[in-house]
Amino acid sequence: MIRAVVFDLDGTIVSHNIEYKALRAYVRGFLIKQGVPASVLSLNDSVFEMLDKTEIFLKNNGKQRKVFEEMRNEVLRIIDEYEWKAAKTASLCPGVEAVLKTLKDMGIKIGLCTVSGEKTVNYLLKKFKIDAFFDAVVPREHAGRVKPHGEHLKTVLEILKAAPEETLTLGDGAADMLCAREVKAIAVGLPTGIFTKDELISAGANYIITSIADVPTLIEKLNKTL
């Protein structure tokens, strides 16, 4: 029985239009200037993967934890700037409000698991008047380690008091699928972003839907078999 749905934010609920390519290049350049070898960092990495690699590099080279924390804080400040700028022109993805209302009517708990920052997340949820639908919202500041690490999703599930096997995790990225797979939640891929259907399946998607409007129907089908 499906009792909870955990959504990603950017690309799933909201079209945020963050300049990810420029952001990754800027962060990579900053970290290289701080002494991280260019060979350690790839432009294909997310900024959080770059931070993970930076942390490992500094630790392996005997640097104090404080050095990494200072670099991390500056990177998060940069991310905040890009997110906040994009939030001003963000739009709600089609069908989202109707789906959230339907899930509430079905008695489903609703969570949000996002690498976006708290300031931007709160702004967007209130901007589109959908904040009241969510029983748990966990932006990056409240996750020990963000997606694709399962710890992020576990935090959401703890707040919802939901079991992984009774939870759908919906997102448009590989990180969402990997996160769900790690905690053994049901991963649902929505190939509306840069990741294809096959890439989402490779990352661990149990199901693929083409529209967020398909979520209630999928739950009804699963509840007949689970």
N, C-alpha and C. Protein backbone atom coordinates (compact mmCIF):
# COMPACT_ATOMS: atom_id res chain seq x y z
N MET A 1 0.84 -1.20 0.00
CA MET A 1 0.00 0.00 0.00
C MET A 1 0.88 1.25 0.00
N ILE A 2 0.65 2.11 -0.95
CA ILE A 2 1.41 3.36 -1.03
C ILE A 2 0.79 4.37 -0.07
N ARG A 3 1.60 4.86 0.85
CA ARG A 3 1.12 5.80 1.86
C ARG A 3 1.78 7.18 1.76
N ALA A 4 2.83 7.28 0.94
CA ALA A 4 3.54 8.57 0.84
C ALA A 4 4.15 8.74 -0.54
N VAL A 5 4.26 10.00 -0.95
CA VAL A 5 4.96 10.35 -2.19
C VAL A 5 5.96 11.46 -1.86
N VAL A 6 7.21 11.26 -2.27
CA VAL A 6 8.24 12.27 -2.06
C VAL A 6 8.68 12.82 -3.42
N PHE A 7 8.53 14.12 -3.58
CA PHE A 7 8.85 14.78 -4.84
C PHE A 7 10.21 15.46 -4.80
N ASP A 8 10.83 15.50 -5.96
CA ASP A 8 11.95 16.41 -6.22
C ASP A 8 11.32 17.77 -6.52
N LEU A 9 12.10 18.83 -6.48
CA LEU A 9 11.56 20.16 -6.76
C LEU A 9 11.84 20.61 -8.20
N ASP A 10 13.08 20.93 -8.49
CA ASP A 10 13.43 21.52 -9.78
C ASP A 10 13.29 20.50 -10.91
N GLY A 11 12.45 20.84 -11.89
CA GLY A 11 12.23 19.97 -13.03
C GLY A 11 11.10 18.98 -12.83
N THR A 12 10.63 18.86 -11.59
CA THR A 12 9.54 17.94 -11.28
C THR A 12 8.29 18.71 -10.89
N ILE A 13 8.45 19.64 -9.95
CA ILE A 13 7.34 20.47 -9.50
C ILE A 13 7.45 21.88 -10.08
N VAL A 14 8.66 22.37 -10.11
CA VAL A 14 8.91 23.74 -10.57
C VAL A 14 9.94 23.74 -11.69
N SER A 15 9.68 24.56 -12.70
CA SER A 15 10.67 24.80 -13.75
C SER A 15 11.49 26.00 -13.31
N HIS A 16 12.71 25.74 -12.87
CA HIS A 16 13.51 26.73 -12.14
C HIS A 16 14.48 27.50 -13.03
N ASN A 17 14.87 26.89 -14.15
CA ASN A 17 15.76 27.55 -15.13
C ASN A 17 17.08 28.03 -14.54
N ILE A 18 17.65 27.22 -13.64
CA ILE A 18 18.97 27.56 -13.10
C ILE A 18 20.02 27.32 -14.19
N GLU A 19 20.97 28.21 -14.30
CA GLU A 19 22.04 28.07 -15.30
C GLU A 19 23.09 27.08 -14.77
N TYR A 20 22.73 25.79 -14.82
CA TYR A 20 23.57 24.76 -14.20
C TYR A 20 24.96 24.68 -14.81
N LYS A 21 25.03 24.80 -16.12
CA LYS A 21 26.33 24.70 -16.79
C LYS A 21 27.27 25.81 -16.32
N ALA A 22 26.74 27.02 -16.26
CA ALA A 22 27.54 28.16 -15.80
C ALA A 22 27.89 28.01 -14.33
N LEU A 23 26.95 27.52 -13.54
CA LEU A 23 27.19 27.32 -12.11
C LEU A 23 28.29 26.30 -11.87
N ARG A 24 28.22 25.18 -12.58
CA ARG A 24 29.25 24.14 -12.42
C ARG A 24 30.63 24.67 -12.81
N ALA A 25 30.68 25.43 -13.91
CA ALA A 25 31.95 25.98 -14.37
C ALA A 25 32.52 26.97 -13.35
N TYR A 26 31.65 27.79 -12.79
CA TYR A 26 32.08 28.79 -11.80
C TYR A 26 32.62 28.12 -10.55
N VAL A 27 31.87 27.14 -10.05
CA VAL A 27 32.28 26.44 -8.83
C VAL A 27 33.57 25.67 -9.06
N ARG A 28 33.67 25.01 -10.20
CA ARG A 28 34.90 24.26 -10.51
C ARG A 28 36.10 25.20 -10.54
N GLY A 29 35.92 26.35 -11.19
CA GLY A 29 37.00 27.33 -11.26
C GLY A 29 37.41 27.82 -9.88
N PHE A 30 36.43 28.05 -9.04
CA PHE A 30 36.71 28.51 -7.67
C PHE A 30 37.51 27.46 -6.90
N LEU A 31 37.09 26.20 -6.99
CA LEU A 31 37.77 25.13 -6.25
C LEU A 31 39.19 24.91 -6.75
N ILE A 32 39.38 25.05 -8.06
CA ILE A 32 40.73 24.91 -8.63
C ILE A 32 41.63 26.03 -8.10
N LYS A 33 41.09 27.25 -8.02
CA LYS A 33 41.87 28.37 -7.48
C LYS A 33 42.26 28.15 -6.02
N GLN A 34 41.43 27.35 -5.32
CA GLN A 34 41.71 27.06 -3.92
C GLN A 34 42.71 25.91 -3.75
N GLY A 35 43.16 25.35 -4.88
CA GLY A 35 44.20 24.33 -4.80
C GLY A 35 43.77 22.91 -5.13
N VAL A 36 42.51 22.73 -5.49
CA VAL A 36 42.05 21.40 -5.88
C VAL A 36 42.48 21.15 -7.33
N PRO A 37 43.18 20.06 -7.62
CA PRO A 37 43.63 19.80 -9.00
C PRO A 37 42.46 19.71 -9.98
N ALA A 38 42.64 20.26 -11.16
CA ALA A 38 41.59 20.22 -12.18
C ALA A 38 41.20 18.79 -12.52
N SER A 39 42.16 17.87 -12.41
CA SER A 39 41.89 16.47 -12.74
C SER A 39 40.91 15.80 -11.79
N VAL A 40 40.74 16.40 -10.61
CA VAL A 40 39.83 15.83 -9.60
C VAL A 40 38.38 16.17 -9.93
N LEU A 41 38.18 17.29 -10.61
CA LEU A 41 36.83 17.83 -10.83
C LEU A 41 36.45 17.78 -12.30
N SER A 42 35.23 17.32 -12.55
CA SER A 42 34.71 17.27 -13.92
C SER A 42 33.53 18.21 -14.07
N LEU A 43 33.41 18.83 -15.24
CA LEU A 43 32.26 19.69 -15.50
C LEU A 43 30.96 18.90 -15.57
N ASN A 44 31.08 17.58 -15.70
CA ASN A 44 29.89 16.72 -15.69
C ASN A 44 29.41 16.43 -14.28
N ASP A 45 30.25 16.74 -13.28
CA ASP A 45 29.85 16.55 -11.88
C ASP A 45 28.85 17.63 -11.48
N SER A 46 27.93 17.26 -10.59
CA SER A 46 27.11 18.29 -9.96
C SER A 46 28.00 19.05 -8.98
N VAL A 47 27.56 20.22 -8.55
CA VAL A 47 28.38 20.99 -7.62
C VAL A 47 28.56 20.24 -6.31
N PHE A 48 27.58 19.41 -5.95
CA PHE A 48 27.68 18.66 -4.70
C PHE A 48 28.64 17.48 -4.84
N GLU A 49 28.71 16.92 -6.04
CA GLU A 49 29.72 15.88 -6.31
C GLU A 49 31.12 16.50 -6.27
N MET A 50 31.24 17.73 -6.78
CA MET A 50 32.52 18.42 -6.71
C MET A 50 32.94 18.63 -5.25
N LEU A 51 31.97 18.99 -4.42
CA LEU A 51 32.28 19.19 -3.00
C LEU A 51 32.70 17.88 -2.34
N ASP A 52 32.03 16.79 -2.68
CA ASP A 52 32.40 15.48 -2.14
C ASP A 52 33.84 15.13 -2.51
N LYS A 53 34.18 15.35 -3.78
CA LYS A 53 35.53 15.04 -4.25
C LYS A 53 36.57 15.96 -3.60
N THR A 54 36.19 17.22 -3.41
CA THR A 54 37.09 18.17 -2.76
C THR A 54 37.35 17.75 -1.31
N GLU A 55 36.30 17.33 -0.63
CA GLU A 55 36.44 16.89 0.76
C GLU A 55 37.40 15.71 0.86
N ILE A 56 37.25 14.75 -0.04
CA ILE A 56 38.12 13.58 -0.04
C ILE A 56 39.57 13.97 -0.34
N PHE A 57 39.74 14.84 -1.35
CA PHE A 57 41.10 15.28 -1.72
C PHE A 57 41.79 15.97 -0.55
N LEU A 58 41.09 16.89 0.10
CA LEU A 58 41.69 17.63 1.21
C LEU A 58 42.03 16.71 2.38
N LYS A 59 41.13 15.78 2.66
CA LYS A 59 41.36 14.84 3.76
C LYS A 59 42.58 13.97 3.47
N ASN A 60 42.68 13.49 2.22
CA ASN A 60 43.81 12.63 1.84
C ASN A 60 45.14 13.38 1.84
N ASN A 61 45.05 14.71 1.76
CA ASN A 61 46.28 15.51 1.74
C ASN A 61 46.53 16.24 3.06
N GLY A 62 45.88 15.76 4.11
CA GLY A 62 46.17 16.24 5.46
C GLY A 62 45.67 17.62 5.80
N LYS A 63 44.71 18.13 5.05
CA LYS A 63 44.18 19.46 5.33
C LYS A 63 43.18 19.39 6.49
N GLN A 64 43.13 20.46 7.27
CA GLN A 64 42.20 20.52 8.39
C GLN A 64 40.77 20.63 7.88
N ARG A 65 39.84 20.11 8.67
CA ARG A 65 38.41 20.15 8.32
C ARG A 65 37.94 21.59 8.09
N LYS A 66 38.52 22.52 8.83
CA LYS A 66 38.12 23.92 8.72
C LYS A 66 38.35 24.46 7.31
N VAL A 67 39.40 23.99 6.66
CA VAL A 67 39.70 24.44 5.29
C VAL A 67 38.56 24.06 4.35
N PHE A 68 38.10 22.82 4.47
CA PHE A 68 36.99 22.38 3.62
C PHE A 68 35.72 23.14 3.94
N GLU A 69 35.43 23.34 5.22
CA GLU A 69 34.20 24.03 5.61
C GLU A 69 34.15 25.44 5.03
N GLU A 70 35.28 26.12 5.02
CA GLU A 70 35.32 27.48 4.47
C GLU A 70 35.05 27.46 2.96
N MET A 71 35.63 26.49 2.27
CA MET A 71 35.40 26.36 0.83
C MET A 71 33.95 25.99 0.56
N ARG A 72 33.43 25.07 1.35
CA ARG A 72 32.05 24.62 1.18
C ARG A 72 31.07 25.78 1.39
N ASN A 73 31.30 26.58 2.41
CA ASN A 73 30.41 27.71 2.69
C ASN A 73 30.39 28.70 1.53
N GLU A 74 31.54 28.92 0.92
CA GLU A 74 31.60 29.85 -0.21
C GLU A 74 30.87 29.27 -1.43
N VAL A 75 31.03 27.96 -1.66
CA VAL A 75 30.32 27.31 -2.77
C VAL A 75 28.81 27.39 -2.55
N LEU A 76 28.36 27.16 -1.33
CA LEU A 76 26.92 27.23 -1.04
C LEU A 76 26.40 28.65 -1.23
N ARG A 77 27.22 29.64 -0.91
CA ARG A 77 26.83 31.03 -1.13
C ARG A 77 26.64 31.30 -2.63
N ILE A 78 27.55 30.76 -3.43
CA ILE A 78 27.46 30.91 -4.88
C ILE A 78 26.19 30.24 -5.41
N ILE A 79 25.92 29.04 -4.92
CA ILE A 79 24.72 28.31 -5.34
C ILE A 79 23.47 29.10 -4.99
N ASP A 80 23.44 29.66 -3.78
CA ASP A 80 22.29 30.45 -3.34
C ASP A 80 22.02 31.60 -4.30
N GLU A 81 23.07 32.25 -4.76
CA GLU A 81 22.91 33.38 -5.69
C GLU A 81 22.26 32.94 -6.99
N TYR A 82 22.74 31.83 -7.55
CA TYR A 82 22.18 31.32 -8.80
C TYR A 82 20.72 30.89 -8.62
N GLU A 83 20.44 30.20 -7.50
CA GLU A 83 19.08 29.73 -7.24
C GLU A 83 18.11 30.89 -7.07
N TRP A 84 18.51 31.87 -6.31
CA TRP A 84 17.63 32.99 -6.01
C TRP A 84 17.31 33.79 -7.27
N LYS A 85 18.31 33.97 -8.11
CA LYS A 85 18.10 34.67 -9.38
C LYS A 85 17.10 33.90 -10.25
N ALA A 86 17.26 32.58 -10.32
CA ALA A 86 16.37 31.75 -11.14
C ALA A 86 14.96 31.69 -10.57
N ALA A 87 14.84 31.76 -9.25
CA ALA A 87 13.53 31.65 -8.60
C ALA A 87 12.58 32.77 -9.02
N LYS A 88 13.15 33.90 -9.35
CA LYS A 88 12.31 35.06 -9.72
C LYS A 88 11.53 34.82 -11.01
N THR A 89 12.05 33.97 -11.88
CA THR A 89 11.36 33.71 -13.15
C THR A 89 10.86 32.26 -13.25
N ALA A 90 10.87 31.54 -12.13
CA ALA A 90 10.44 30.14 -12.14
C ALA A 90 8.94 30.02 -12.39
N SER A 91 8.54 28.86 -12.91
CA SER A 91 7.12 28.61 -13.15
C SER A 91 6.74 27.24 -12.59
N LEU A 92 5.48 27.08 -12.24
CA LEU A 92 4.98 25.81 -11.73
C LEU A 92 4.76 24.87 -12.91
N CYS A 93 5.24 23.64 -12.79
CA CYS A 93 5.05 22.68 -13.87
C CYS A 93 3.56 22.35 -14.04
N PRO A 94 3.11 22.12 -15.26
CA PRO A 94 1.69 21.85 -15.52
C PRO A 94 1.16 20.66 -14.72
N GLY A 95 -0.02 20.84 -14.13
CA GLY A 95 -0.70 19.74 -13.46
C GLY A 95 -0.30 19.49 -12.02
N VAL A 96 0.69 20.21 -11.52
CA VAL A 96 1.21 19.94 -10.18
C VAL A 96 0.17 20.17 -9.09
N GLU A 97 -0.47 21.32 -9.10
CA GLU A 97 -1.43 21.63 -8.04
C GLU A 97 -2.57 20.62 -8.00
N ALA A 98 -3.06 20.22 -9.16
CA ALA A 98 -4.15 19.24 -9.21
C ALA A 98 -3.72 17.89 -8.64
N VAL A 99 -2.49 17.48 -8.95
CA VAL A 99 -1.98 16.20 -8.44
C VAL A 99 -1.81 16.26 -6.92
N LEU A 100 -1.26 17.34 -6.42
CA LEU A 100 -1.08 17.48 -4.98
C LEU A 100 -2.42 17.43 -4.25
N LYS A 101 -3.43 18.08 -4.82
CA LYS A 101 -4.76 18.06 -4.21
C LYS A 101 -5.34 16.65 -4.23
N THR A 102 -5.18 15.95 -5.35
CA THR A 102 -5.69 14.58 -5.46
C THR A 102 -5.03 13.67 -4.44
N LEU A 103 -3.72 13.80 -4.29
CA LEU A 103 -2.99 12.97 -3.32
C LEU A 103 -3.48 13.24 -1.90
N LYS A 104 -3.72 14.49 -1.59
CA LYS A 104 -4.25 14.83 -0.26
C LYS A 104 -5.62 14.20 -0.05
N ASP A 105 -6.45 14.26 -1.08
CA ASP A 105 -7.79 13.67 -1.00
C ASP A 105 -7.72 12.15 -0.82
N MET A 106 -6.63 11.55 -1.32
CA MET A 106 -6.43 10.10 -1.20
C MET A 106 -5.82 9.71 0.15
N GLY A 107 -5.48 10.72 0.95
CA GLY A 107 -4.88 10.45 2.25
C GLY A 107 -3.39 10.14 2.19
N ILE A 108 -2.75 10.53 1.09
CA ILE A 108 -1.32 10.27 0.90
C ILE A 108 -0.49 11.37 1.56
N LYS A 109 0.54 10.98 2.29
CA LYS A 109 1.47 11.96 2.84
C LYS A 109 2.39 12.46 1.72
N ILE A 110 2.74 13.73 1.78
CA ILE A 110 3.53 14.33 0.70
C ILE A 110 4.80 14.96 1.26
N GLY A 111 5.93 14.60 0.65
CA GLY A 111 7.21 15.15 1.07
C GLY A 111 7.97 15.78 -0.08
N LEU A 112 8.95 16.61 0.26
CA LEU A 112 9.80 17.26 -0.74
C LEU A 112 11.25 17.02 -0.35
N CYS A 113 12.01 16.47 -1.28
CA CYS A 113 13.43 16.16 -1.06
C CYS A 113 14.22 16.90 -2.13
N THR A 114 14.87 17.99 -1.76
CA THR A 114 15.50 18.84 -2.77
C THR A 114 16.87 19.34 -2.34
N VAL A 115 17.77 19.44 -3.32
CA VAL A 115 19.10 19.99 -3.04
C VAL A 115 19.08 21.52 -3.06
N SER A 116 17.95 22.10 -3.39
CA SER A 116 17.84 23.56 -3.36
C SER A 116 17.90 24.07 -1.92
N GLY A 117 18.27 25.33 -1.76
CA GLY A 117 18.39 25.92 -0.43
C GLY A 117 17.05 26.31 0.16
N GLU A 118 17.02 26.41 1.48
CA GLU A 118 15.77 26.65 2.22
C GLU A 118 15.10 27.96 1.81
N LYS A 119 15.88 29.03 1.66
CA LYS A 119 15.30 30.32 1.30
C LYS A 119 14.56 30.24 -0.03
N THR A 120 15.20 29.63 -1.02
CA THR A 120 14.59 29.51 -2.35
C THR A 120 13.39 28.58 -2.32
N VAL A 121 13.51 27.46 -1.62
CA VAL A 121 12.42 26.48 -1.54
C VAL A 121 11.18 27.12 -0.92
N ASN A 122 11.35 27.78 0.21
CA ASN A 122 10.21 28.41 0.88
C ASN A 122 9.57 29.48 0.00
N TYR A 123 10.41 30.23 -0.69
CA TYR A 123 9.90 31.27 -1.60
C TYR A 123 9.04 30.67 -2.70
N LEU A 124 9.54 29.59 -3.33
CA LEU A 124 8.83 28.98 -4.45
C LEU A 124 7.52 28.32 -4.01
N LEU A 125 7.54 27.63 -2.89
CA LEU A 125 6.32 26.96 -2.42
C LEU A 125 5.23 27.98 -2.09
N LYS A 126 5.64 29.10 -1.51
CA LYS A 126 4.67 30.14 -1.18
C LYS A 126 4.25 30.92 -2.42
N LYS A 127 5.19 31.13 -3.31
CA LYS A 127 4.89 31.85 -4.55
C LYS A 127 3.77 31.17 -5.33
N PHE A 128 3.82 29.83 -5.37
CA PHE A 128 2.82 29.09 -6.13
C PHE A 128 1.69 28.55 -5.26
N LYS A 129 1.71 28.97 -3.97
CA LYS A 129 0.63 28.62 -3.03
C LYS A 129 0.43 27.10 -2.90
N ILE A 130 1.53 26.37 -2.81
CA ILE A 130 1.44 24.91 -2.66
C ILE A 130 2.12 24.43 -1.37
N ASP A 131 2.59 25.36 -0.55
CA ASP A 131 3.31 24.98 0.67
C ASP A 131 2.46 24.15 1.63
N ALA A 132 1.16 24.42 1.69
CA ALA A 132 0.28 23.72 2.64
C ALA A 132 0.09 22.24 2.29
N PHE A 133 0.41 21.85 1.07
CA PHE A 133 0.23 20.45 0.67
C PHE A 133 1.30 19.54 1.28
N PHE A 134 2.43 20.09 1.67
CA PHE A 134 3.57 19.26 2.06
C PHE A 134 3.62 18.99 3.56
N ASP A 135 3.79 17.71 3.88
CA ASP A 135 3.91 17.28 5.28
C ASP A 135 5.37 17.29 5.73
N ALA A 136 6.28 17.28 4.79
CA ALA A 136 7.72 17.31 5.11
C ALA A 136 8.46 17.98 3.97
N VAL A 137 9.30 18.94 4.30
CA VAL A 137 10.13 19.63 3.30
C VAL A 137 11.57 19.61 3.81
N VAL A 138 12.45 18.98 3.04
CA VAL A 138 13.86 18.87 3.47
C VAL A 138 14.78 19.43 2.39
N PRO A 139 15.13 20.72 2.49
CA PRO A 139 16.13 21.31 1.58
C PRO A 139 17.52 20.87 2.01
N ARG A 140 18.53 21.31 1.29
CA ARG A 140 19.88 20.80 1.54
C ARG A 140 20.40 21.09 2.95
N GLU A 141 19.98 22.22 3.53
CA GLU A 141 20.50 22.57 4.86
C GLU A 141 20.10 21.57 5.94
N HIS A 142 19.02 20.85 5.70
CA HIS A 142 18.50 19.93 6.72
C HIS A 142 18.81 18.48 6.42
N ALA A 143 19.67 18.26 5.45
CA ALA A 143 20.11 16.90 5.12
C ALA A 143 21.59 16.78 5.47
N GLY A 144 21.95 15.69 6.13
CA GLY A 144 23.36 15.49 6.44
C GLY A 144 24.19 15.45 5.17
N ARG A 145 23.74 14.61 4.22
CA ARG A 145 24.36 14.54 2.90
C ARG A 145 23.21 14.53 1.88
N VAL A 146 23.33 15.36 0.87
CA VAL A 146 22.24 15.52 -0.09
C VAL A 146 22.21 14.40 -1.12
N LYS A 147 21.10 14.33 -1.84
CA LYS A 147 20.99 13.38 -2.96
C LYS A 147 22.23 13.49 -3.85
N PRO A 148 22.73 12.36 -4.35
CA PRO A 148 22.14 11.02 -4.40
C PRO A 148 22.32 10.16 -3.16
N HIS A 149 22.88 10.73 -2.08
CA HIS A 149 23.02 9.95 -0.86
C HIS A 149 21.65 9.67 -0.24
N GLY A 150 21.44 8.43 0.16
CA GLY A 150 20.15 8.02 0.71
C GLY A 150 19.78 8.72 2.00
N GLU A 151 20.77 9.26 2.69
CA GLU A 151 20.53 9.95 3.96
C GLU A 151 19.51 11.08 3.80
N HIS A 152 19.54 11.74 2.65
CA HIS A 152 18.62 12.86 2.39
C HIS A 152 17.17 12.36 2.40
N LEU A 153 16.91 11.30 1.64
CA LEU A 153 15.56 10.75 1.57
C LEU A 153 15.13 10.15 2.91
N LYS A 154 16.06 9.53 3.61
CA LYS A 154 15.74 8.95 4.93
C LYS A 154 15.22 10.01 5.88
N THR A 155 15.80 11.20 5.80
CA THR A 155 15.36 12.31 6.66
C THR A 155 13.91 12.67 6.37
N VAL A 156 13.55 12.71 5.08
CA VAL A 156 12.16 13.00 4.70
C VAL A 156 11.23 11.92 5.23
N LEU A 157 11.61 10.66 5.05
CA LEU A 157 10.76 9.54 5.48
C LEU A 157 10.57 9.52 6.99
N GLU A 158 11.60 9.90 7.73
CA GLU A 158 11.48 9.95 9.19
C GLU A 158 10.45 10.98 9.62
N ILE A 159 10.45 12.13 8.96
CA ILE A 159 9.47 13.18 9.28
C ILE A 159 8.06 12.72 8.92
N LEU A 160 7.94 12.06 7.77
CA LEU A 160 6.63 11.57 7.31
C LEU A 160 6.16 10.36 8.10
N LYS A 161 7.12 9.70 8.80
CA LYS A 161 6.83 8.41 9.46
C LYS A 161 6.32 7.41 8.43
N ALA A 162 7.03 7.36 7.30
CA ALA A 162 6.65 6.49 6.18
C ALA A 162 7.73 5.44 5.94
N ALA A 163 7.30 4.23 5.64
CA ALA A 163 8.24 3.15 5.32
C ALA A 163 8.68 3.28 3.87
N PRO A 164 9.93 2.98 3.55
CA PRO A 164 10.42 3.11 2.17
C PRO A 164 9.59 2.32 1.16
N GLU A 165 9.23 1.10 1.53
CA GLU A 165 8.49 0.24 0.59
C GLU A 165 7.06 0.72 0.36
N GLU A 166 6.61 1.70 1.15
CA GLU A 166 5.28 2.27 0.98
C GLU A 166 5.35 3.70 0.43
N THR A 167 6.51 4.04 -0.12
CA THR A 167 6.75 5.41 -0.58
C THR A 167 7.19 5.46 -2.03
N LEU A 168 6.53 6.31 -2.81
CA LEU A 168 6.99 6.61 -4.17
C LEU A 168 7.92 7.82 -4.09
N THR A 169 9.06 7.73 -4.77
CA THR A 169 9.96 8.87 -4.88
C THR A 169 10.00 9.30 -6.34
N LEU A 170 9.55 10.51 -6.60
CA LEU A 170 9.40 10.98 -7.98
C LEU A 170 10.40 12.08 -8.30
N GLY A 171 11.11 11.92 -9.43
CA GLY A 171 12.05 12.95 -9.84
C GLY A 171 12.46 12.79 -11.29
N ASP A 172 13.12 13.83 -11.80
CA ASP A 172 13.55 13.82 -13.21
C ASP A 172 15.04 13.55 -13.36
N GLY A 173 15.73 13.29 -12.23
CA GLY A 173 17.17 13.11 -12.30
C GLY A 173 17.67 11.77 -11.78
N ALA A 174 18.88 11.42 -12.19
CA ALA A 174 19.49 10.17 -11.74
C ALA A 174 19.67 10.16 -10.23
N ALA A 175 19.97 11.32 -9.65
CA ALA A 175 20.17 11.40 -8.20
C ALA A 175 18.93 10.97 -7.43
N ASP A 176 17.75 11.30 -7.97
CA ASP A 176 16.50 10.90 -7.32
C ASP A 176 16.34 9.39 -7.32
N MET A 177 16.70 8.76 -8.43
CA MET A 177 16.58 7.31 -8.57
C MET A 177 17.59 6.60 -7.67
N LEU A 178 18.82 7.09 -7.67
CA LEU A 178 19.88 6.49 -6.85
C LEU A 178 19.54 6.59 -5.37
N CYS A 179 19.02 7.74 -4.98
CA CYS A 179 18.63 7.98 -3.60
C CYS A 179 17.54 7.00 -3.17
N ALA A 180 16.52 6.84 -4.01
CA ALA A 180 15.42 5.93 -3.70
C ALA A 180 15.90 4.49 -3.64
N ARG A 181 16.77 4.13 -4.58
CA ARG A 181 17.27 2.75 -4.62
C ARG A 181 18.05 2.41 -3.36
N GLU A 182 18.83 3.38 -2.87
CA GLU A 182 19.65 3.13 -1.68
C GLU A 182 18.80 2.81 -0.45
N VAL A 183 17.66 3.50 -0.32
CA VAL A 183 16.83 3.28 0.87
C VAL A 183 15.69 2.30 0.60
N LYS A 184 15.66 1.76 -0.64
CA LYS A 184 14.66 0.77 -1.04
C LYS A 184 13.24 1.33 -1.10
N ALA A 185 13.14 2.62 -1.48
CA ALA A 185 11.84 3.20 -1.79
C ALA A 185 11.53 2.88 -3.26
N ILE A 186 10.30 3.16 -3.68
CA ILE A 186 9.89 2.90 -5.06
C ILE A 186 10.25 4.12 -5.90
N ALA A 187 11.16 3.94 -6.85
CA ALA A 187 11.66 5.05 -7.65
C ALA A 187 10.84 5.23 -8.92
N VAL A 188 10.33 6.43 -9.12
CA VAL A 188 9.53 6.76 -10.30
C VAL A 188 10.22 7.87 -11.07
N GLY A 189 10.61 7.56 -12.30
CA GLY A 189 11.31 8.53 -13.12
C GLY A 189 10.37 9.33 -14.01
N LEU A 190 10.65 10.62 -14.11
CA LEU A 190 9.87 11.53 -14.95
C LEU A 190 10.85 12.19 -15.93
N PRO A 191 11.02 11.62 -17.13
CA PRO A 191 12.05 12.10 -18.07
C PRO A 191 11.68 13.40 -18.77
N THR A 192 11.61 14.47 -17.98
CA THR A 192 11.27 15.78 -18.54
C THR A 192 12.48 16.71 -18.59
N GLY A 193 13.62 16.25 -18.05
CA GLY A 193 14.81 17.09 -18.00
C GLY A 193 15.90 16.57 -18.90
N ILE A 194 17.14 16.61 -18.41
CA ILE A 194 18.27 16.20 -19.24
C ILE A 194 18.46 14.69 -19.26
N PHE A 195 17.82 13.99 -18.33
CA PHE A 195 17.98 12.53 -18.27
C PHE A 195 16.90 11.82 -19.09
N THR A 196 17.33 10.86 -19.89
CA THR A 196 16.41 10.10 -20.71
C THR A 196 15.75 8.99 -19.90
N LYS A 197 14.74 8.39 -20.48
CA LYS A 197 14.07 7.25 -19.85
C LYS A 197 15.07 6.15 -19.52
N ASP A 198 15.93 5.81 -20.48
CA ASP A 198 16.90 4.74 -20.27
C ASP A 198 17.90 5.09 -19.17
N GLU A 199 18.30 6.34 -19.10
CA GLU A 199 19.25 6.76 -18.06
C GLU A 199 18.62 6.69 -16.68
N LEU A 200 17.35 7.03 -16.59
CA LEU A 200 16.65 6.95 -15.31
C LEU A 200 16.48 5.50 -14.88
N ILE A 201 16.20 4.63 -15.84
CA ILE A 201 16.08 3.20 -15.54
C ILE A 201 17.42 2.65 -15.07
N SER A 202 18.49 3.05 -15.75
CA SER A 202 19.83 2.60 -15.36
C SER A 202 20.19 3.06 -13.95
N ALA A 203 19.67 4.22 -13.57
CA ALA A 203 19.96 4.77 -12.24
C ALA A 203 19.11 4.11 -11.15
N GLY A 204 18.10 3.33 -11.58
CA GLY A 204 17.31 2.61 -10.57
C GLY A 204 15.82 2.82 -10.60
N ALA A 205 15.29 3.50 -11.63
CA ALA A 205 13.84 3.72 -11.69
C ALA A 205 13.08 2.41 -11.79
N ASN A 206 12.09 2.25 -10.92
CA ASN A 206 11.21 1.08 -10.98
C ASN A 206 10.08 1.29 -11.98
N TYR A 207 9.69 2.55 -12.13
CA TYR A 207 8.61 2.91 -13.06
C TYR A 207 8.97 4.22 -13.75
N ILE A 208 8.46 4.39 -14.95
CA ILE A 208 8.62 5.62 -15.71
C ILE A 208 7.24 6.16 -16.05
N ILE A 209 7.03 7.46 -15.78
CA ILE A 209 5.79 8.10 -16.20
C ILE A 209 6.16 9.29 -17.09
N THR A 210 5.25 9.70 -17.94
CA THR A 210 5.54 10.79 -18.86
C THR A 210 4.94 12.12 -18.41
N SER A 211 4.12 12.07 -17.37
CA SER A 211 3.50 13.28 -16.85
C SER A 211 3.26 13.12 -15.35
N ILE A 212 3.41 14.20 -14.62
CA ILE A 212 3.16 14.15 -13.18
C ILE A 212 1.70 13.79 -12.90
N ALA A 213 0.84 14.05 -13.87
CA ALA A 213 -0.58 13.74 -13.73
C ALA A 213 -0.83 12.24 -13.63
N ASP A 214 0.18 11.43 -14.00
CA ASP A 214 0.03 9.97 -13.95
C ASP A 214 0.24 9.39 -12.55
N VAL A 215 0.69 10.20 -11.60
CA VAL A 215 1.02 9.68 -10.27
C VAL A 215 -0.17 9.04 -9.56
N PRO A 216 -1.33 9.69 -9.46
CA PRO A 216 -2.46 9.05 -8.76
C PRO A 216 -2.87 7.72 -9.39
N THR A 217 -2.86 7.64 -10.71
CA THR A 217 -3.22 6.39 -11.40
C THR A 217 -2.21 5.29 -11.09
N LEU A 218 -0.93 5.64 -11.06
CA LEU A 218 0.11 4.67 -10.73
C LEU A 218 -0.10 4.14 -9.31
N ILE A 219 -0.42 5.03 -8.39
CA ILE A 219 -0.66 4.61 -7.00
C ILE A 219 -1.83 3.64 -6.92
N GLU A 220 -2.90 3.94 -7.63
CA GLU A 220 -4.08 3.06 -7.63
C GLU A 220 -3.73 1.68 -8.17
N LYS A 221 -2.92 1.63 -9.22
CA LYS A 221 -2.51 0.35 -9.80
C LYS A 221 -1.63 -0.43 -8.83
N LEU A 222 -0.69 0.26 -8.21
CA LEU A 222 0.21 -0.40 -7.27
C LEU A 222 -0.53 -0.91 -6.04
N ASN A 223 -1.50 -0.15 -5.59
CA ASN A 223 -2.25 -0.55 -4.39
C ASN A 223 -3.09 -1.80 -4.61
N LYS A 224 -3.31 -2.14 -5.87
CA LYS A 224 -4.04 -3.38 -6.18
C LYS A 224 -3.12 -4.60 -6.15
N THR A 225 -1.81 -4.33 -6.21
CA THR A 225 -0.86 -5.44 -6.28
C THR A 225 0.04 -5.56 -5.06
N LEU A 226 0.24 -4.45 -4.34
CA LEU A 226 1.15 -4.48 -3.19
C LEU A 226 0.46 -5.04 -1.95
